[in-house]
């Protein structure tokens, strides 16, 4: 454990000198708002066990056995053993985990078993993608979104497709047919 903390501290020191000046370089978070050190921003590396929450994270977030929650994240969410991440406002970077939950805007990649997102400028890659806003690209067994440019999977469904859907079942309210096998695109 001491080796891991040492490695994390060195990584944080190299990560971003500007971010470090305004926030904690290394943090441990857990239940009931516990953050060690007591800060609401991380500019480096954070380990969140069960449930950790901070306002801002710039760097790498490791949720372990639970949910890591931030308002804004710039960097990487990397879910360890049963780790999941939730970003409330803005995610820029990559979320890798079993469950990625981004309620605001995402620029980058969400790769997991289940992605629940809003607006995504980038790629959603999962077994199941569910988006309440617009996505650029969804690749999954099942993708459901309000609007999308591209969907690839067994089952694809959107209110508005701007590009193409490729899969076994493709449904789009504005598609050349509402539901069509193999390929569907806007009228």
C-alpha atoms as a PDB file:
ATOM      1  CA  UNK A   1       0.000   0.000   0.000  1.00  0.00           C
ATOM      2  CA  UNK A   2       2.861   2.382   0.800  1.00  0.00           C
ATOM      3  CA  UNK A   3       4.374   1.702  -2.629  1.00  0.00           C
ATOM      4  CA  UNK A   4       1.041   2.489  -4.304  1.00  0.00           C
ATOM      5  CA  UNK A   5       0.702   5.776  -2.412  1.00  0.00           C
ATOM      6  CA  UNK A   6       4.289   6.710  -3.288  1.00  0.00           C
ATOM      7  CA  UNK A   7       3.695   5.997  -6.964  1.00  0.00           C
ATOM      8  CA  UNK A   8       0.451   7.991  -6.895  1.00  0.00           C
ATOM      9  CA  UNK A   9       2.178  10.927  -5.191  1.00  0.00           C
ATOM     10  CA  UNK A  10       4.964  11.014  -7.787  1.00  0.00           C
ATOM     11  CA  UNK A  11       2.441  10.765 -10.647  1.00  0.00           C
ATOM     12  CA  UNK A  12       0.442  13.619  -9.157  1.00  0.00           C
ATOM     13  CA  UNK A  13       3.545  15.804  -8.767  1.00  0.00           C
ATOM     14  CA  UNK A  14       4.387  15.360 -12.432  1.00  0.00           C
ATOM     15  CA  UNK A  15       0.771  15.651 -13.660  1.00  0.00           C
ATOM     16  CA  UNK A  16       0.020  19.369 -13.402  1.00  0.00           C
ATOM     17  CA  UNK A  17       1.949  21.976 -11.396  1.00  0.00           C
ATOM     18  CA  UNK A  18      -0.791  24.592 -11.968  1.00  0.00           C
ATOM     19  CA  UNK A  19      -3.546  22.257 -10.785  1.00  0.00           C
ATOM     20  CA  UNK A  20      -1.470  21.250  -7.765  1.00  0.00           C
ATOM     21  CA  UNK A  21      -1.169  24.858  -6.603  1.00  0.00           C
ATOM     22  CA  UNK A  22      -4.966  25.128  -6.250  1.00  0.00           C
ATOM     23  CA  UNK A  23      -5.860  21.626  -5.096  1.00  0.00           C
ATOM     24  CA  UNK A  24      -4.687  18.486  -3.390  1.00  0.00           C
ATOM     25  CA  UNK A  25      -2.171  16.397  -5.378  1.00  0.00           C
ATOM     26  CA  UNK A  26      -3.230  13.076  -3.810  1.00  0.00           C
ATOM     27  CA  UNK A  27      -6.533  12.302  -2.096  1.00  0.00           C
ATOM     28  CA  UNK A  28      -8.384   9.456  -0.431  1.00  0.00           C
ATOM     29  CA  UNK A  29     -12.191   9.801  -0.398  1.00  0.00           C
ATOM     30  CA  UNK A  30     -14.910   7.743   1.238  1.00  0.00           C
ATOM     31  CA  UNK A  31     -18.379   7.911   2.798  1.00  0.00           C
ATOM     32  CA  UNK A  32     -20.034  10.978   4.337  1.00  0.00           C
ATOM     33  CA  UNK A  33     -17.910  13.509   2.454  1.00  0.00           C
ATOM     34  CA  UNK A  34     -14.633  12.241   3.922  1.00  0.00           C
ATOM     35  CA  UNK A  35     -11.665  13.556   1.915  1.00  0.00           C
ATOM     36  CA  UNK A  36      -8.070  13.231   3.087  1.00  0.00           C
ATOM     37  CA  UNK A  37      -6.691  15.815   2.842  1.00  0.00           C
ATOM     38  CA  UNK A  38      -9.776  17.947   3.402  1.00  0.00           C
ATOM     39  CA  UNK A  39     -10.203  19.603   0.007  1.00  0.00           C
ATOM     40  CA  UNK A  40     -12.890  19.855  -2.652  1.00  0.00           C
ATOM     41  CA  UNK A  41     -10.469  19.688  -5.609  1.00  0.00           C
ATOM     42  CA  UNK A  42      -7.846  17.207  -6.763  1.00  0.00           C
ATOM     43  CA  UNK A  43      -5.007  17.999  -9.150  1.00  0.00           C
ATOM     44  CA  UNK A  44      -3.352  14.628  -9.419  1.00  0.00           C
ATOM     45  CA  UNK A  45      -4.617  11.250  -8.200  1.00  0.00           C
ATOM     46  CA  UNK A  46      -7.611  10.249  -6.089  1.00  0.00           C
ATOM     47  CA  UNK A  47      -8.706   6.902  -4.685  1.00  0.00           C
ATOM     48  CA  UNK A  48     -12.416   6.798  -3.827  1.00  0.00           C
ATOM     49  CA  UNK A  49     -13.671   3.825  -1.799  1.00  0.00           C
ATOM     50  CA  UNK A  50     -17.426   3.159  -1.427  1.00  0.00           C
ATOM     51  CA  UNK A  51     -18.442   6.768  -2.234  1.00  0.00           C
ATOM     52  CA  UNK A  52     -16.178   9.749  -2.665  1.00  0.00           C
ATOM     53  CA  UNK A  53     -17.189  13.214  -3.825  1.00  0.00           C
ATOM     54  CA  UNK A  54     -15.256  16.325  -4.835  1.00  0.00           C
ATOM     55  CA  UNK A  55     -16.165  19.315  -6.948  1.00  0.00           C
ATOM     56  CA  UNK A  56     -13.221  19.227  -9.347  1.00  0.00           C
ATOM     57  CA  UNK A  57     -10.754  16.574 -10.439  1.00  0.00           C
ATOM     58  CA  UNK A  58      -7.842  17.118 -12.827  1.00  0.00           C
ATOM     59  CA  UNK A  59      -5.853  13.937 -13.192  1.00  0.00           C
ATOM     60  CA  UNK A  60      -6.717  10.312 -12.493  1.00  0.00           C
ATOM     61  CA  UNK A  61      -9.638   9.074 -10.403  1.00  0.00           C
ATOM     62  CA  UNK A  62      -9.700   5.479  -9.139  1.00  0.00           C
ATOM     63  CA  UNK A  63     -13.123   4.455  -7.795  1.00  0.00           C
ATOM     64  CA  UNK A  64     -12.868   1.196  -5.852  1.00  0.00           C
ATOM     65  CA  UNK A  65     -15.885  -0.822  -4.681  1.00  0.00           C
ATOM     66  CA  UNK A  66     -18.324   2.003  -5.203  1.00  0.00           C
ATOM     67  CA  UNK A  67     -19.007   5.374  -6.769  1.00  0.00           C
ATOM     68  CA  UNK A  68     -16.646   8.264  -7.364  1.00  0.00           C
ATOM     69  CA  UNK A  69     -18.563  11.530  -7.881  1.00  0.00           C
ATOM     70  CA  UNK A  70     -17.311  14.862  -9.236  1.00  0.00           C
ATOM     71  CA  UNK A  71     -18.864  17.974 -10.718  1.00  0.00           C
ATOM     72  CA  UNK A  72     -16.091  18.378 -13.304  1.00  0.00           C
ATOM     73  CA  UNK A  73     -13.399  15.938 -14.378  1.00  0.00           C
ATOM     74  CA  UNK A  74     -10.491  16.512 -16.722  1.00  0.00           C
ATOM     75  CA  UNK A  75      -8.489  13.339 -17.092  1.00  0.00           C
ATOM     76  CA  UNK A  76      -9.256   9.689 -16.519  1.00  0.00           C
ATOM     77  CA  UNK A  77     -11.836   7.859 -14.413  1.00  0.00           C
ATOM     78  CA  UNK A  78     -10.499   4.330 -14.029  1.00  0.00           C
ATOM     79  CA  UNK A  79     -12.877   2.063 -12.133  1.00  0.00           C
ATOM     80  CA  UNK A  80     -11.080  -0.600 -10.173  1.00  0.00           C
ATOM     81  CA  UNK A  81     -12.802  -3.636  -8.656  1.00  0.00           C
ATOM     82  CA  UNK A  82     -16.538  -2.799  -8.996  1.00  0.00           C
ATOM     83  CA  UNK A  83     -15.749   0.910  -9.294  1.00  0.00           C
ATOM     84  CA  UNK A  84     -18.098   3.351 -11.012  1.00  0.00           C
ATOM     85  CA  UNK A  85     -17.910   7.067 -11.761  1.00  0.00           C
ATOM     86  CA  UNK A  86     -20.449   9.884 -11.844  1.00  0.00           C
ATOM     87  CA  UNK A  87     -19.698  13.297 -13.362  1.00  0.00           C
ATOM     88  CA  UNK A  88     -22.440  15.881 -12.763  1.00  0.00           C
ATOM     89  CA  UNK A  89     -21.456  18.733 -15.116  1.00  0.00           C
ATOM     90  CA  UNK A  90     -18.450  18.306 -17.423  1.00  0.00           C
ATOM     91  CA  UNK A  91     -16.195  15.362 -18.280  1.00  0.00           C
ATOM     92  CA  UNK A  92     -13.206  15.838 -20.563  1.00  0.00           C
ATOM     93  CA  UNK A  93     -11.145  12.721 -21.044  1.00  0.00           C
ATOM     94  CA  UNK A  94     -11.814   9.013 -20.613  1.00  0.00           C
ATOM     95  CA  UNK A  95     -14.104   7.083 -18.257  1.00  0.00           C
ATOM     96  CA  UNK A  96     -13.236   3.392 -17.966  1.00  0.00           C
ATOM     97  CA  UNK A  97     -15.358   1.327 -15.614  1.00  0.00           C
ATOM     98  CA  UNK A  98     -18.229  -1.023 -15.104  1.00  0.00           C
ATOM     99  CA  UNK A  99     -20.664   1.891 -14.819  1.00  0.00           C
ATOM    100  CA  UNK A 100     -20.092   5.413 -16.167  1.00  0.00           C
ATOM    101  CA  UNK A 101     -22.729   8.012 -15.308  1.00  0.00           C
ATOM    102  CA  UNK A 102     -22.224  11.460 -16.841  1.00  0.00           C
ATOM    103  CA  UNK A 103     -25.237  13.769 -16.458  1.00  0.00           C
ATOM    104  CA  UNK A 104     -23.686  16.845 -18.091  1.00  0.00           C
ATOM    105  CA  UNK A 105     -21.474  17.144 -21.151  1.00  0.00           C
ATOM    106  CA  UNK A 106     -18.722  14.730 -22.124  1.00  0.00           C
ATOM    107  CA  UNK A 107     -15.836  15.291 -24.523  1.00  0.00           C
ATOM    108  CA  UNK A 108     -13.954  12.049 -24.933  1.00  0.00           C
ATOM    109  CA  UNK A 109     -14.665   8.368 -24.407  1.00  0.00           C
ATOM    110  CA  UNK A 110     -16.947   6.438 -22.068  1.00  0.00           C
ATOM    111  CA  UNK A 111     -15.977   2.754 -22.100  1.00  0.00           C
ATOM    112  CA  UNK A 112     -17.718   0.401 -19.714  1.00  0.00           C
ATOM    113  CA  UNK A 113     -20.386  -2.201 -19.257  1.00  0.00           C
ATOM    114  CA  UNK A 114     -23.118   0.446 -18.890  1.00  0.00           C
ATOM    115  CA  UNK A 115     -22.866   4.124 -19.869  1.00  0.00           C
ATOM    116  CA  UNK A 116     -25.611   6.525 -18.818  1.00  0.00           C
ATOM    117  CA  UNK A 117     -24.845   9.894 -20.363  1.00  0.00           C
ATOM    118  CA  UNK A 118     -26.323  13.142 -21.609  1.00  0.00           C
ATOM    119  CA  UNK A 119     -24.419  14.954 -24.383  1.00  0.00           C
ATOM    120  CA  UNK A 120     -21.313  13.182 -25.665  1.00  0.00           C
ATOM    121  CA  UNK A 121     -18.812  14.600 -28.157  1.00  0.00           C
ATOM    122  CA  UNK A 122     -16.847  11.422 -28.627  1.00  0.00           C
ATOM    123  CA  UNK A 123     -17.481   7.708 -28.237  1.00  0.00           C
ATOM    124  CA  UNK A 124     -19.756   5.674 -25.979  1.00  0.00           C
ATOM    125  CA  UNK A 125     -18.522   2.060 -25.955  1.00  0.00           C
ATOM    126  CA  UNK A 126     -20.358  -0.450 -23.762  1.00  0.00           C
ATOM    127  CA  UNK A 127     -22.738  -3.368 -23.566  1.00  0.00           C
ATOM    128  CA  UNK A 128     -25.517  -0.785 -22.977  1.00  0.00           C
ATOM    129  CA  UNK A 129     -25.458   2.940 -23.810  1.00  0.00           C
ATOM    130  CA  UNK A 130     -28.298   5.203 -22.680  1.00  0.00           C
ATOM    131  CA  UNK A 131     -28.133   8.939 -23.478  1.00  0.00           C
ATOM    132  CA  UNK A 132     -30.695  11.639 -22.675  1.00  0.00           C
ATOM    133  CA  UNK A 133     -29.061  14.102 -25.079  1.00  0.00           C
ATOM    134  CA  UNK A 134     -27.011  14.019 -28.279  1.00  0.00           C
ATOM    135  CA  UNK A 135     -24.204  11.523 -28.901  1.00  0.00           C
ATOM    136  CA  UNK A 136     -21.671  11.490 -31.706  1.00  0.00           C
ATOM    137  CA  UNK A 137     -20.975   7.728 -31.746  1.00  0.00           C
ATOM    138  CA  UNK A 138     -22.499   4.810 -29.826  1.00  0.00           C
ATOM    139  CA  UNK A 139     -21.097   1.285 -30.096  1.00  0.00           C
ATOM    140  CA  UNK A 140     -22.843  -1.353 -27.975  1.00  0.00           C
ATOM    141  CA  UNK A 141     -25.117  -4.361 -27.935  1.00  0.00           C
ATOM    142  CA  UNK A 142     -27.917  -1.861 -27.203  1.00  0.00           C
ATOM    143  CA  UNK A 143     -27.800   1.919 -27.645  1.00  0.00           C
ATOM    144  CA  UNK A 144     -30.665   4.272 -26.818  1.00  0.00           C
ATOM    145  CA  UNK A 145     -30.373   8.041 -27.225  1.00  0.00           C
ATOM    146  CA  UNK A 146     -32.394  11.176 -27.826  1.00  0.00           C
ATOM    147  CA  UNK A 147     -30.310  11.956 -30.917  1.00  0.00           C
ATOM    148  CA  UNK A 148     -27.150  10.528 -32.442  1.00  0.00           C
ATOM    149  CA  UNK A 149     -24.836  10.805 -35.423  1.00  0.00           C
ATOM    150  CA  UNK A 150     -23.852   7.116 -35.486  1.00  0.00           C
ATOM    151  CA  UNK A 151     -24.976   3.937 -33.745  1.00  0.00           C
ATOM    152  CA  UNK A 152     -23.507   0.454 -34.179  1.00  0.00           C
ATOM    153  CA  UNK A 153     -24.855  -2.578 -32.321  1.00  0.00           C
ATOM    154  CA  UNK A 154     -27.471  -5.293 -32.194  1.00  0.00           C
ATOM    155  CA  UNK A 155     -30.240  -2.882 -31.107  1.00  0.00           C
ATOM    156  CA  UNK A 156     -30.100   0.853 -31.812  1.00  0.00           C
ATOM    157  CA  UNK A 157     -32.831   3.346 -30.975  1.00  0.00           C
ATOM    158  CA  UNK A 158     -32.963   7.143 -31.167  1.00  0.00           C
ATOM    159  CA  UNK A 159     -35.528   9.859 -31.709  1.00  0.00           C
ATOM    160  CA  UNK A 160     -33.293  11.567 -34.279  1.00  0.00           C
ATOM    161  CA  UNK A 161     -30.504   9.999 -36.291  1.00  0.00           C
ATOM    162  CA  UNK A 162     -28.240  12.495 -38.077  1.00  0.00           C
ATOM    163  CA  UNK A 163     -26.104   9.861 -39.746  1.00  0.00           C
ATOM    164  CA  UNK A 164     -26.539   6.102 -39.816  1.00  0.00           C
ATOM    165  CA  UNK A 165     -27.523   3.178 -37.597  1.00  0.00           C
ATOM    166  CA  UNK A 166     -26.015  -0.245 -38.287  1.00  0.00           C
ATOM    167  CA  UNK A 167     -27.318  -3.310 -36.463  1.00  0.00           C
ATOM    168  CA  UNK A 168     -29.857  -6.108 -36.293  1.00  0.00           C
ATOM    169  CA  UNK A 169     -32.683  -3.749 -35.229  1.00  0.00           C
ATOM    170  CA  UNK A 170     -32.414  -0.003 -35.885  1.00  0.00           C
ATOM    171  CA  UNK A 171     -35.178   2.364 -34.810  1.00  0.00           C
ATOM    172  CA  UNK A 172     -35.236   6.128 -35.410  1.00  0.00           C
ATOM    173  CA  UNK A 173     -38.300   8.387 -35.424  1.00  0.00           C
ATOM    174  CA  UNK A 174     -36.813  10.291 -38.376  1.00  0.00           C
ATOM    175  CA  UNK A 175     -35.404   7.209 -40.122  1.00  0.00           C
ATOM    176  CA  UNK A 176     -36.309   6.277 -43.673  1.00  0.00           C
ATOM    177  CA  UNK A 177     -38.401   3.662 -41.851  1.00  0.00           C
ATOM    178  CA  UNK A 178     -39.159   3.889 -38.115  1.00  0.00           C
ATOM    179  CA  UNK A 179     -37.501   0.487 -37.547  1.00  0.00           C
ATOM    180  CA  UNK A 180     -35.420  -1.388 -40.064  1.00  0.00           C
ATOM    181  CA  UNK A 181     -32.897  -4.245 -39.920  1.00  0.00           C
ATOM    182  CA  UNK A 182     -29.218  -3.935 -40.893  1.00  0.00           C
ATOM    183  CA  UNK A 183     -29.147  -0.174 -41.658  1.00  0.00           C
ATOM    184  CA  UNK A 184     -31.278   2.914 -41.026  1.00  0.00           C
ATOM    185  CA  UNK A 185     -30.643   6.579 -41.755  1.00  0.00           C
ATOM    186  CA  UNK A 186     -32.468   9.915 -41.735  1.00  0.00           C
ATOM    187  CA  UNK A 187     -35.156  10.595 -44.369  1.00  0.00           C
END
